[in-house]
């Protein structure tokens, strides 16, 4: 018997919609969003050269994530509506411990590559 696949919950900017999708282990939140047609651009394809995969991690989950590296913090300085729990989706890699992770999509994103 195999264990159920981990899941992640995406919440729309206004909180009116929630999408619970499978979250394969070792895959980034950005890749999971894009593969499930969640509204996330990911312009640099996870190379940490933009901030279009900005998500706001639910406060109950923020302490369960590894701390952001300096490069991620630099990119987060460029996002709209920066929150204490803001992260780049490309830098959050799914693990079994993150099953049920809740992330909120921001109201806007800024594509500096365009």
PDB file of N, CA and C in Angstrom:
ATOM      1  N   UNK A   1       0.851  -1.166   0.000  1.00  0.00           N
ATOM      2  CA  UNK A   1       0.000   0.000   0.000  1.00  0.00           C
ATOM      3  C   UNK A   1       0.901   1.235   0.000  1.00  0.00           C
ATOM      4  N   UNK A   2       0.673   2.151  -0.935  1.00  0.00           N
ATOM      5  CA  UNK A   2       1.493   3.359  -0.997  1.00  0.00           C
ATOM      6  C   UNK A   2       0.806   4.492  -0.249  1.00  0.00           C
ATOM      7  N   UNK A   3       1.630   5.357   0.308  1.00  0.00           N
ATOM      8  CA  UNK A   3       1.095   6.515   1.036  1.00  0.00           C
ATOM      9  C   UNK A   3       0.512   7.503   0.039  1.00  0.00           C
ATOM     10  N   UNK A   4      -0.458   8.273   0.502  1.00  0.00           N
ATOM     11  CA  UNK A   4      -1.052   9.294  -0.357  1.00  0.00           C
ATOM     12  C   UNK A   4      -0.003  10.345  -0.682  1.00  0.00           C
ATOM     13  N   UNK A   5      -0.114  10.906  -1.871  1.00  0.00           N
ATOM     14  CA  UNK A   5       0.806  11.974  -2.273  1.00  0.00           C
ATOM     15  C   UNK A   5       0.559  13.213  -1.436  1.00  0.00           C
ATOM     16  N   UNK A   6       1.633  13.948  -1.125  1.00  0.00           N
ATOM     17  CA  UNK A   6       1.454  15.211  -0.411  1.00  0.00           C
ATOM     18  C   UNK A   6       0.613  16.181  -1.236  1.00  0.00           C
ATOM     19  N   UNK A   7       0.014  17.133  -0.561  1.00  0.00           N
ATOM     20  CA  UNK A   7      -0.808  18.146  -1.217  1.00  0.00           C
ATOM     21  C   UNK A   7      -0.369  19.533  -0.785  1.00  0.00           C
ATOM     22  N   UNK A   8      -0.701  20.500  -1.618  1.00  0.00           N
ATOM     23  CA  UNK A   8      -0.487  21.903  -1.303  1.00  0.00           C
ATOM     24  C   UNK A   8      -1.793  22.630  -1.594  1.00  0.00           C
ATOM     25  N   UNK A   9      -2.071  23.650  -0.825  1.00  0.00           N
ATOM     26  CA  UNK A   9      -3.288  24.440  -1.024  1.00  0.00           C
ATOM     27  C   UNK A   9      -2.886  25.846  -1.440  1.00  0.00           C
ATOM     28  N   UNK A  10      -3.381  26.274  -2.588  1.00  0.00           N
ATOM     29  CA  UNK A  10      -3.183  27.635  -3.083  1.00  0.00           C
ATOM     30  C   UNK A  10      -4.464  28.409  -2.807  1.00  0.00           C
ATOM     31  N   UNK A  11      -4.323  29.643  -2.327  1.00  0.00           N
ATOM     32  CA  UNK A  11      -5.470  30.484  -2.012  1.00  0.00           C
ATOM     33  C   UNK A  11      -5.393  31.720  -2.899  1.00  0.00           C
ATOM     34  N   UNK A  12      -6.512  32.069  -3.533  1.00  0.00           N
ATOM     35  CA  UNK A  12      -6.551  33.238  -4.421  1.00  0.00           C
ATOM     36  C   UNK A  12      -6.270  34.510  -3.623  1.00  0.00           C
ATOM     37  N   UNK A  13      -5.856  35.584  -4.312  1.00  0.00           N
ATOM     38  CA  UNK A  13      -5.515  36.826  -3.616  1.00  0.00           C
ATOM     39  C   UNK A  13      -6.617  37.362  -2.702  1.00  0.00           C
ATOM     40  N   UNK A  14      -7.869  37.202  -3.102  1.00  0.00           N
ATOM     41  CA  UNK A  14      -8.963  37.712  -2.273  1.00  0.00           C
ATOM     42  C   UNK A  14      -9.509  36.661  -1.305  1.00  0.00           C
ATOM     43  N   UNK A  15      -8.905  35.479  -1.316  1.00  0.00           N
ATOM     44  CA  UNK A  15      -9.313  34.419  -0.399  1.00  0.00           C
ATOM     45  C   UNK A  15     -10.566  33.673  -0.803  1.00  0.00           C
ATOM     46  N   UNK A  16     -11.135  34.010  -1.969  1.00  0.00           N
ATOM     47  CA  UNK A  16     -12.407  33.412  -2.374  1.00  0.00           C
ATOM     48  C   UNK A  16     -12.271  32.012  -2.975  1.00  0.00           C
ATOM     49  N   UNK A  17     -11.071  31.670  -3.464  1.00  0.00           N
ATOM     50  CA  UNK A  17     -10.890  30.352  -4.078  1.00  0.00           C
ATOM     51  C   UNK A  17      -9.710  29.653  -3.440  1.00  0.00           C
ATOM     52  N   UNK A  18      -9.840  28.333  -3.351  1.00  0.00           N
ATOM     53  CA  UNK A  18      -8.760  27.487  -2.854  1.00  0.00           C
ATOM     54  C   UNK A  18      -8.612  26.319  -3.811  1.00  0.00           C
ATOM     55  N   UNK A  19      -7.387  26.013  -4.138  1.00  0.00           N
ATOM     56  CA  UNK A  19      -7.099  24.870  -4.989  1.00  0.00           C
ATOM     57  C   UNK A  19      -6.208  23.924  -4.201  1.00  0.00           C
ATOM     58  N   UNK A  20      -6.651  22.705  -3.980  1.00  0.00           N
ATOM     59  CA  UNK A  20      -5.816  21.701  -3.339  1.00  0.00           C
ATOM     60  C   UNK A  20      -5.345  20.749  -4.426  1.00  0.00           C
ATOM     61  N   UNK A  21      -4.029  20.683  -4.594  1.00  0.00           N
ATOM     62  CA  UNK A  21      -3.453  19.885  -5.674  1.00  0.00           C
ATOM     63  C   UNK A  21      -2.366  18.971  -5.123  1.00  0.00           C
ATOM     64  N   UNK A  22      -2.086  17.908  -5.870  1.00  0.00           N
ATOM     65  CA  UNK A  22      -0.991  17.015  -5.493  1.00  0.00           C
ATOM     66  C   UNK A  22       0.322  17.769  -5.602  1.00  0.00           C
ATOM     67  N   UNK A  23       1.217  17.468  -4.675  1.00  0.00           N
ATOM     68  CA  UNK A  23       2.511  18.149  -4.612  1.00  0.00           C
ATOM     69  C   UNK A  23       3.622  17.101  -4.562  1.00  0.00           C
ATOM     70  N   UNK A  24       4.099  16.676  -5.717  1.00  0.00           N
ATOM     71  CA  UNK A  24       5.136  15.640  -5.728  1.00  0.00           C
ATOM     72  C   UNK A  24       6.374  16.075  -4.936  1.00  0.00           C
ATOM     73  N   UNK A  25       6.954  15.137  -4.217  1.00  0.00           N
ATOM     74  CA  UNK A  25       8.155  15.412  -3.437  1.00  0.00           C
ATOM     75  C   UNK A  25       9.287  15.844  -4.356  1.00  0.00           C
ATOM     76  N   UNK A  26      10.058  16.831  -3.911  1.00  0.00           N
ATOM     77  CA  UNK A  26      11.201  17.305  -4.682  1.00  0.00           C
ATOM     78  C   UNK A  26      10.871  18.319  -5.756  1.00  0.00           C
ATOM     79  N   UNK A  27       9.607  18.706  -5.871  1.00  0.00           N
ATOM     80  CA  UNK A  27       9.170  19.661  -6.895  1.00  0.00           C
ATOM     81  C   UNK A  27       8.876  20.992  -6.211  1.00  0.00           C
ATOM     82  N   UNK A  28       9.191  22.098  -6.890  1.00  0.00           N
ATOM     83  CA  UNK A  28       8.986  23.414  -6.287  1.00  0.00           C
ATOM     84  C   UNK A  28       7.511  23.823  -6.321  1.00  0.00           C
ATOM     85  N   UNK A  29       7.154  24.702  -5.403  1.00  0.00           N
ATOM     86  CA  UNK A  29       5.799  25.257  -5.367  1.00  0.00           C
ATOM     87  C   UNK A  29       5.479  25.932  -6.701  1.00  0.00           C
ATOM     88  N   UNK A  30       6.448  26.628  -7.279  1.00  0.00           N
ATOM     89  CA  UNK A  30       6.236  27.274  -8.578  1.00  0.00           C
ATOM     90  C   UNK A  30       5.884  26.245  -9.658  1.00  0.00           C
ATOM     91  N   UNK A  31       6.648  25.172  -9.740  1.00  0.00           N
ATOM     92  CA  UNK A  31       6.393  24.144 -10.756  1.00  0.00           C
ATOM     93  C   UNK A  31       5.030  23.492 -10.541  1.00  0.00           C
ATOM     94  N   UNK A  32       4.665  23.275  -9.280  1.00  0.00           N
ATOM     95  CA  UNK A  32       3.367  22.674  -8.968  1.00  0.00           C
ATOM     96  C   UNK A  32       2.243  23.603  -9.405  1.00  0.00           C
ATOM     97  N   UNK A  33       2.383  24.903  -9.126  1.00  0.00           N
ATOM     98  CA  UNK A  33       1.365  25.878  -9.525  1.00  0.00           C
ATOM     99  C   UNK A  33       1.202  25.889 -11.036  1.00  0.00           C
ATOM    100  N   UNK A  34       2.298  25.996 -11.750  1.00  0.00           N
ATOM    101  CA  UNK A  34       2.239  26.080 -13.216  1.00  0.00           C
ATOM    102  C   UNK A  34       1.641  24.802 -13.815  1.00  0.00           C
ATOM    103  N   UNK A  35       2.039  23.645 -13.304  1.00  0.00           N
ATOM    104  CA  UNK A  35       1.533  22.387 -13.860  1.00  0.00           C
ATOM    105  C   UNK A  35       0.051  22.169 -13.551  1.00  0.00           C
ATOM    106  N   UNK A  36      -0.494  22.931 -12.604  1.00  0.00           N
ATOM    107  CA  UNK A  36      -1.914  22.813 -12.257  1.00  0.00           C
ATOM    108  C   UNK A  36      -2.727  24.033 -12.690  1.00  0.00           C
ATOM    109  N   UNK A  37      -2.157  24.823 -13.601  1.00  0.00           N
ATOM    110  CA  UNK A  37      -2.829  26.007 -14.156  1.00  0.00           C
ATOM    111  C   UNK A  37      -3.254  27.014 -13.086  1.00  0.00           C
ATOM    112  N   UNK A  38      -2.463  27.106 -12.020  1.00  0.00           N
ATOM    113  CA  UNK A  38      -2.661  28.132 -11.005  1.00  0.00           C
ATOM    114  C   UNK A  38      -2.000  29.395 -11.554  1.00  0.00           C
ATOM    115  N   UNK A  39      -2.582  30.549 -11.325  1.00  0.00           N
ATOM    116  CA  UNK A  39      -2.100  31.796 -11.906  1.00  0.00           C
ATOM    117  C   UNK A  39      -0.772  32.249 -11.290  1.00  0.00           C
ATOM    118  N   UNK A  40       0.322  31.701 -11.824  1.00  0.00           N
ATOM    119  CA  UNK A  40       1.667  32.075 -11.402  1.00  0.00           C
ATOM    120  C   UNK A  40       2.535  32.064 -12.650  1.00  0.00           C
ATOM    121  N   UNK A  41       3.307  33.131 -12.839  1.00  0.00           N
ATOM    122  CA  UNK A  41       4.073  33.256 -14.078  1.00  0.00           C
ATOM    123  C   UNK A  41       5.354  32.434 -14.086  1.00  0.00           C
ATOM    124  N   UNK A  42       6.222  32.610 -13.119  1.00  0.00           N
ATOM    125  CA  UNK A  42       7.493  31.884 -13.129  1.00  0.00           C
ATOM    126  C   UNK A  42       8.342  32.265 -14.323  1.00  0.00           C
ATOM    127  N   UNK A  43       8.486  33.562 -14.593  1.00  0.00           N
ATOM    128  CA  UNK A  43       9.139  34.060 -15.811  1.00  0.00           C
ATOM    129  C   UNK A  43      10.565  33.561 -15.988  1.00  0.00           C
ATOM    130  N   UNK A  44      11.318  33.405 -14.911  1.00  0.00           N
ATOM    131  CA  UNK A  44      12.719  32.983 -15.054  1.00  0.00           C
ATOM    132  C   UNK A  44      12.877  31.472 -14.940  1.00  0.00           C
ATOM    133  N   UNK A  45      11.761  30.764 -14.877  1.00  0.00           N
ATOM    134  CA  UNK A  45      11.740  29.300 -14.814  1.00  0.00           C
ATOM    135  C   UNK A  45      12.475  28.739 -13.607  1.00  0.00           C
ATOM    136  N   UNK A  46      12.429  29.476 -12.495  1.00  0.00           N
ATOM    137  CA  UNK A  46      13.019  28.974 -11.265  1.00  0.00           C
ATOM    138  C   UNK A  46      14.488  29.277 -11.081  1.00  0.00           C
ATOM    139  N   UNK A  47      15.028  30.210 -11.849  1.00  0.00           N
ATOM    140  CA  UNK A  47      16.444  30.554 -11.748  1.00  0.00           C
ATOM    141  C   UNK A  47      16.714  31.692 -10.771  1.00  0.00           C
ATOM    142  N   UNK A  48      15.713  32.092 -10.007  1.00  0.00           N
ATOM    143  CA  UNK A  48      15.800  33.164  -9.023  1.00  0.00           C
ATOM    144  C   UNK A  48      16.323  34.459  -9.648  1.00  0.00           C
ATOM    145  N   UNK A  49      15.821  34.762 -10.848  1.00  0.00           N
ATOM    146  CA  UNK A  49      16.186  35.992 -11.543  1.00  0.00           C
ATOM    147  C   UNK A  49      14.996  36.933 -11.658  1.00  0.00           C
ATOM    148  N   UNK A  50      13.881  36.572 -11.042  1.00  0.00           N
ATOM    149  CA  UNK A  50      12.688  37.423 -11.055  1.00  0.00           C
ATOM    150  C   UNK A  50      11.930  37.162  -9.761  1.00  0.00           C
ATOM    151  N   UNK A  51      10.795  37.775  -9.643  1.00  0.00           N
ATOM    152  CA  UNK A  51       9.989  37.552  -8.431  1.00  0.00           C
ATOM    153  C   UNK A  51       8.552  37.193  -8.787  1.00  0.00           C
ATOM    154  N   UNK A  52       8.335  36.663  -9.997  1.00  0.00           N
ATOM    155  CA  UNK A  52       6.974  36.376 -10.455  1.00  0.00           C
ATOM    156  C   UNK A  52       6.363  35.136  -9.818  1.00  0.00           C
ATOM    157  N   UNK A  53       7.132  34.404  -9.043  1.00  0.00           N
ATOM    158  CA  UNK A  53       6.580  33.232  -8.347  1.00  0.00           C
ATOM    159  C   UNK A  53       6.371  33.535  -6.865  1.00  0.00           C
ATOM    160  N   UNK A  54       6.273  34.821  -6.537  1.00  0.00           N
ATOM    161  CA  UNK A  54       6.064  35.257  -5.154  1.00  0.00           C
ATOM    162  C   UNK A  54       4.792  34.625  -4.592  1.00  0.00           C
ATOM    163  N   UNK A  55       4.900  34.052  -3.414  1.00  0.00           N
ATOM    164  CA  UNK A  55       3.748  33.541  -2.668  1.00  0.00           C
ATOM    165  C   UNK A  55       3.866  34.030  -1.225  1.00  0.00           C
ATOM    166  N   UNK A  56       2.749  34.051  -0.558  1.00  0.00           N
ATOM    167  CA  UNK A  56       2.720  34.416   0.852  1.00  0.00           C
ATOM    168  C   UNK A  56       2.354  33.145   1.617  1.00  0.00           C
ATOM    169  N   UNK A  57       3.316  32.636   2.343  1.00  0.00           N
ATOM    170  CA  UNK A  57       3.129  31.385   3.073  1.00  0.00           C
ATOM    171  C   UNK A  57       2.220  31.647   4.269  1.00  0.00           C
ATOM    172  N   UNK A  58       1.248  30.770   4.451  1.00  0.00           N
ATOM    173  CA  UNK A  58       0.367  30.888   5.608  1.00  0.00           C
ATOM    174  C   UNK A  58       1.227  30.929   6.874  1.00  0.00           C
ATOM    175  N   UNK A  59       0.927  31.844   7.799  1.00  0.00           N
ATOM    176  CA  UNK A  59       1.759  31.975   9.007  1.00  0.00           C
ATOM    177  C   UNK A  59       1.952  30.677   9.779  1.00  0.00           C
ATOM    178  N   UNK A  60       0.979  29.788   9.771  1.00  0.00           N
ATOM    179  CA  UNK A  60       1.117  28.509  10.474  1.00  0.00           C
ATOM    180  C   UNK A  60       2.206  27.629   9.863  1.00  0.00           C
ATOM    181  N   UNK A  61       2.579  27.903   8.617  1.00  0.00           N
ATOM    182  CA  UNK A  61       3.562  27.089   7.914  1.00  0.00           C
ATOM    183  C   UNK A  61       4.929  27.743   7.802  1.00  0.00           C
ATOM    184  N   UNK A  62       5.018  29.055   7.980  1.00  0.00           N
ATOM    185  CA  UNK A  62       6.272  29.752   7.685  1.00  0.00           C
ATOM    186  C   UNK A  62       7.447  29.235   8.508  1.00  0.00           C
ATOM    187  N   UNK A  63       7.227  28.847   9.741  1.00  0.00           N
ATOM    188  CA  UNK A  63       8.305  28.338  10.576  1.00  0.00           C
ATOM    189  C   UNK A  63       8.759  26.942  10.216  1.00  0.00           C
ATOM    190  N   UNK A  64       8.033  26.274   9.340  1.00  0.00           N
ATOM    191  CA  UNK A  64       8.380  24.908   8.948  1.00  0.00           C
ATOM    192  C   UNK A  64       9.247  24.871   7.691  1.00  0.00           C
ATOM    193  N   UNK A  65       9.483  26.040   7.107  1.00  0.00           N
ATOM    194  CA  UNK A  65      10.292  26.124   5.890  1.00  0.00           C
ATOM    195  C   UNK A  65      11.728  26.489   6.241  1.00  0.00           C
ATOM    196  N   UNK A  66      12.675  26.044   5.429  1.00  0.00           N
ATOM    197  CA  UNK A  66      14.048  26.510   5.632  1.00  0.00           C
ATOM    198  C   UNK A  66      14.086  28.032   5.432  1.00  0.00           C
ATOM    199  N   UNK A  67      14.996  28.687   6.112  1.00  0.00           N
ATOM    200  CA  UNK A  67      15.120  30.136   5.953  1.00  0.00           C
ATOM    201  C   UNK A  67      15.557  30.474   4.531  1.00  0.00           C
ATOM    202  N   UNK A  68      15.098  31.621   4.000  1.00  0.00           N
ATOM    203  CA  UNK A  68      15.516  32.001   2.653  1.00  0.00           C
ATOM    204  C   UNK A  68      17.002  32.365   2.615  1.00  0.00           C
ATOM    205  N   UNK A  69      17.622  32.062   1.495  1.00  0.00           N
ATOM    206  CA  UNK A  69      19.007  32.460   1.266  1.00  0.00           C
ATOM    207  C   UNK A  69      19.046  33.949   0.922  1.00  0.00           C
ATOM    208  N   UNK A  70      20.211  34.550   0.990  1.00  0.00           N
ATOM    209  CA  UNK A  70      20.361  35.982   0.718  1.00  0.00           C
ATOM    210  C   UNK A  70      19.861  36.356  -0.678  1.00  0.00           C
ATOM    211  N   UNK A  71      20.107  35.507  -1.675  1.00  0.00           N
ATOM    212  CA  UNK A  71      19.667  35.788  -3.043  1.00  0.00           C
ATOM    213  C   UNK A  71      18.143  35.870  -3.127  1.00  0.00           C
ATOM    214  N   UNK A  72      17.462  34.966  -2.401  1.00  0.00           N
ATOM    215  CA  UNK A  72      16.002  35.000  -2.388  1.00  0.00           C
ATOM    216  C   UNK A  72      15.518  36.271  -1.697  1.00  0.00           C
ATOM    217  N   UNK A  73      16.124  36.624  -0.590  1.00  0.00           N
ATOM    218  CA  UNK A  73      15.739  37.854   0.106  1.00  0.00           C
ATOM    219  C   UNK A  73      15.911  39.076  -0.790  1.00  0.00           C
ATOM    220  N   UNK A  74      16.990  39.098  -1.583  1.00  0.00           N
ATOM    221  CA  UNK A  74      17.206  40.213  -2.513  1.00  0.00           C
ATOM    222  C   UNK A  74      16.074  40.304  -3.538  1.00  0.00           C
ATOM    223  N   UNK A  75      15.637  39.167  -4.057  1.00  0.00           N
ATOM    224  CA  UNK A  75      14.540  39.169  -5.037  1.00  0.00           C
ATOM    225  C   UNK A  75      13.221  39.550  -4.367  1.00  0.00           C
ATOM    226  N   UNK A  76      13.022  39.127  -3.132  1.00  0.00           N
ATOM    227  CA  UNK A  76      11.787  39.465  -2.419  1.00  0.00           C
ATOM    228  C   UNK A  76      11.673  40.967  -2.179  1.00  0.00           C
ATOM    229  N   UNK A  77      12.802  41.662  -2.124  1.00  0.00           N
ATOM    230  CA  UNK A  77      12.768  43.120  -1.973  1.00  0.00           C
ATOM    231  C   UNK A  77      12.062  43.796  -3.149  1.00  0.00           C
ATOM    232  N   UNK A  78      11.882  43.077  -4.249  1.00  0.00           N
ATOM    233  CA  UNK A  78      11.294  43.644  -5.467  1.00  0.00           C
ATOM    234  C   UNK A  78       9.804  43.345  -5.624  1.00  0.00           C
ATOM    235  N   UNK A  79       9.216  42.563  -4.732  1.00  0.00           N
ATOM    236  CA  UNK A  79       7.823  42.151  -4.912  1.00  0.00           C
ATOM    237  C   UNK A  79       6.850  43.222  -4.430  1.00  0.00           C
ATOM    238  N   UNK A  80       5.647  43.192  -5.016  1.00  0.00           N
ATOM    239  CA  UNK A  80       4.550  44.017  -4.523  1.00  0.00           C
ATOM    240  C   UNK A  80       4.044  43.407  -3.224  1.00  0.00           C
ATOM    241  N   UNK A  81       3.627  44.237  -2.318  1.00  0.00           N
ATOM    242  CA  UNK A  81       2.933  43.794  -1.112  1.00  0.00           C
ATOM    243  C   UNK A  81       3.717  42.741  -0.331  1.00  0.00           C
ATOM    244  N   UNK A  82       5.000  43.023  -0.086  1.00  0.00           N
ATOM    245  CA  UNK A  82       5.858  42.113   0.664  1.00  0.00           C
ATOM    246  C   UNK A  82       5.288  41.889   2.065  1.00  0.00           C
ATOM    247  N   UNK A  83       5.221  40.649   2.464  1.00  0.00           N
ATOM    248  CA  UNK A  83       4.753  40.270   3.799  1.00  0.00           C
ATOM    249  C   UNK A  83       5.884  39.569   4.547  1.00  0.00           C
ATOM    250  N   UNK A  84       5.740  39.445   5.842  1.00  0.00           N
ATOM    251  CA  UNK A  84       6.740  38.764   6.668  1.00  0.00           C
ATOM    252  C   UNK A  84       6.959  37.327   6.198  1.00  0.00           C
ATOM    253  N   UNK A  85       5.910  36.688   5.679  1.00  0.00           N
ATOM    254  CA  UNK A  85       6.011  35.289   5.263  1.00  0.00           C
ATOM    255  C   UNK A  85       6.132  35.138   3.739  1.00  0.00           C
ATOM    256  N   UNK A  86       6.467  36.216   3.036  1.00  0.00           N
ATOM    257  CA  UNK A  86       6.650  36.134   1.583  1.00  0.00           C
ATOM    258  C   UNK A  86       7.852  35.258   1.251  1.00  0.00           C
ATOM    259  N   UNK A  87       7.686  34.462   0.206  1.00  0.00           N
ATOM    260  CA  UNK A  87       8.759  33.598  -0.298  1.00  0.00           C
ATOM    261  C   UNK A  87       8.623  33.503  -1.811  1.00  0.00           C
ATOM    262  N   UNK A  88       9.680  33.038  -2.446  1.00  0.00           N
ATOM    263  CA  UNK A  88       9.621  32.725  -3.867  1.00  0.00           C
ATOM    264  C   UNK A  88       9.231  31.261  -3.990  1.00  0.00           C
ATOM    265  N   UNK A  89       8.203  30.994  -4.778  1.00  0.00           N
ATOM    266  CA  UNK A  89       7.728  29.623  -4.951  1.00  0.00           C
ATOM    267  C   UNK A  89       8.772  28.690  -5.525  1.00  0.00           C
ATOM    268  N   UNK A  90       9.702  29.231  -6.304  1.00  0.00           N
ATOM    269  CA  UNK A  90      10.747  28.384  -6.894  1.00  0.00           C
ATOM    270  C   UNK A  90      11.731  27.881  -5.843  1.00  0.00           C
ATOM    271  N   UNK A  91      11.738  28.501  -4.671  1.00  0.00           N
ATOM    272  CA  UNK A  91      12.682  28.133  -3.622  1.00  0.00           C
ATOM    273  C   UNK A  91      12.079  27.244  -2.542  1.00  0.00           C
ATOM    274  N   UNK A  92      10.785  26.972  -2.648  1.00  0.00           N
ATOM    275  CA  UNK A  92      10.135  26.069  -1.696  1.00  0.00           C
ATOM    276  C   UNK A  92       9.989  24.715  -2.386  1.00  0.00           C
ATOM    277  N   UNK A  93      10.760  23.756  -1.925  1.00  0.00           N
ATOM    278  CA  UNK A  93      10.743  22.414  -2.510  1.00  0.00           C
ATOM    279  C   UNK A  93       9.924  21.507  -1.601  1.00  0.00           C
ATOM    280  N   UNK A  94       8.974  20.808  -2.187  1.00  0.00           N
ATOM    281  CA  UNK A  94       8.071  19.965  -1.401  1.00  0.00           C
ATOM    282  C   UNK A  94       8.801  18.789  -0.765  1.00  0.00           C
ATOM    283  N   UNK A  95       8.485  18.606   0.508  1.00  0.00           N
ATOM    284  CA  UNK A  95       8.946  17.458   1.281  1.00  0.00           C
ATOM    285  C   UNK A  95       7.717  16.854   1.959  1.00  0.00           C
ATOM    286  N   UNK A  96       7.864  15.680   2.511  1.00  0.00           N
ATOM    287  CA  UNK A  96       6.737  15.047   3.215  1.00  0.00           C
ATOM    288  C   UNK A  96       6.271  15.917   4.381  1.00  0.00           C
ATOM    289  N   UNK A  97       7.182  16.642   5.006  1.00  0.00           N
ATOM    290  CA  UNK A  97       6.828  17.493   6.143  1.00  0.00           C
ATOM    291  C   UNK A  97       5.962  18.683   5.734  1.00  0.00           C
ATOM    292  N   UNK A  98       5.939  18.993   4.442  1.00  0.00           N
ATOM    293  CA  UNK A  98       5.149  20.130   3.966  1.00  0.00           C
ATOM    294  C   UNK A  98       3.781  19.718   3.416  1.00  0.00           C
ATOM    295  N   UNK A  99       3.393  18.474   3.624  1.00  0.00           N
ATOM    296  CA  UNK A  99       2.079  18.019   3.177  1.00  0.00           C
ATOM    297  C   UNK A  99       1.001  18.894   3.810  1.00  0.00           C
ATOM    298  N   UNK A 100       0.168  19.517   2.980  1.00  0.00           N
ATOM    299  CA  UNK A 100      -0.886  20.400   3.457  1.00  0.00           C
ATOM    300  C   UNK A 100      -0.483  21.869   3.483  1.00  0.00           C
ATOM    301  N   UNK A 101       0.726  22.177   2.996  1.00  0.00           N
ATOM    302  CA  UNK A 101       1.214  23.560   2.951  1.00  0.00           C
ATOM    303  C   UNK A 101       0.168  24.473   2.325  1.00  0.00           C
ATOM    304  N   UNK A 102      -0.019  25.646   2.926  1.00  0.00           N
ATOM    305  CA  UNK A 102      -0.972  26.632   2.411  1.00  0.00           C
ATOM    306  C   UNK A 102      -0.187  27.867   1.987  1.00  0.00           C
ATOM    307  N   UNK A 103      -0.357  28.270   0.726  1.00  0.00           N
ATOM    308  CA  UNK A 103       0.258  29.494   0.218  1.00  0.00           C
ATOM    309  C   UNK A 103      -0.815  30.370  -0.409  1.00  0.00           C
ATOM    310  N   UNK A 104      -0.683  31.661  -0.181  1.00  0.00           N
ATOM    311  CA  UNK A 104      -1.610  32.645  -0.730  1.00  0.00           C
ATOM    312  C   UNK A 104      -0.948  33.326  -1.920  1.00  0.00           C
ATOM    313  N   UNK A 105      -1.706  33.497  -2.990  1.00  0.00           N
ATOM    314  CA  UNK A 105      -1.190  34.186  -4.160  1.00  0.00           C
ATOM    315  C   UNK A 105      -1.303  35.690  -3.926  1.00  0.00           C
ATOM    316  N   UNK A 106      -0.287  36.460  -4.330  1.00  0.00           N
ATOM    317  CA  UNK A 106      -0.337  37.906  -4.131  1.00  0.00           C
ATOM    318  C   UNK A 106      -1.299  38.561  -5.120  1.00  0.00           C
ATOM    319  N   UNK A 107      -1.647  39.815  -4.847  1.00  0.00           N
ATOM    320  CA  UNK A 107      -2.566  40.530  -5.739  1.00  0.00           C
ATOM    321  C   UNK A 107      -1.916  40.909  -7.050  1.00  0.00           C
ATOM    322  N   UNK A 108      -0.587  41.084  -7.070  1.00  0.00           N
ATOM    323  CA  UNK A 108       0.134  41.465  -8.273  1.00  0.00           C
ATOM    324  C   UNK A 108       1.499  40.796  -8.278  1.00  0.00           C
ATOM    325  N   UNK A 109       2.094  40.739  -9.462  1.00  0.00           N
ATOM    326  CA  UNK A 109       3.491  40.326  -9.541  1.00  0.00           C
ATOM    327  C   UNK A 109       4.208  41.288 -10.466  1.00  0.00           C
ATOM    328  N   UNK A 110       5.503  41.345 -10.311  1.00  0.00           N
ATOM    329  CA  UNK A 110       6.332  42.272 -11.090  1.00  0.00           C
ATOM    330  C   UNK A 110       7.332  41.450 -11.871  1.00  0.00           C
ATOM    331  N   UNK A 111       7.297  41.566 -13.196  1.00  0.00           N
ATOM    332  CA  UNK A 111       8.214  40.836 -14.051  1.00  0.00           C
ATOM    333  C   UNK A 111       9.303  41.789 -14.525  1.00  0.00           C
ATOM    334  N   UNK A 112      10.468  41.698 -13.931  1.00  0.00           N
ATOM    335  CA  UNK A 112      11.583  42.559 -14.298  1.00  0.00           C
ATOM    336  C   UNK A 112      12.320  42.050 -15.537  1.00  0.00           C
ATOM    337  N   UNK A 113      11.949  40.869 -16.026  1.00  0.00           N
ATOM    338  CA  UNK A 113      12.585  40.320 -17.216  1.00  0.00           C
ATOM    339  C   UNK A 113      11.917  40.772 -18.499  1.00  0.00           C
ATOM    340  N   UNK A 114      10.722  41.337 -18.385  1.00  0.00           N
ATOM    341  CA  UNK A 114       9.973  41.739 -19.588  1.00  0.00           C
ATOM    342  C   UNK A 114      10.478  43.050 -20.140  1.00  0.00           C
TER     343      UNK A 114
END
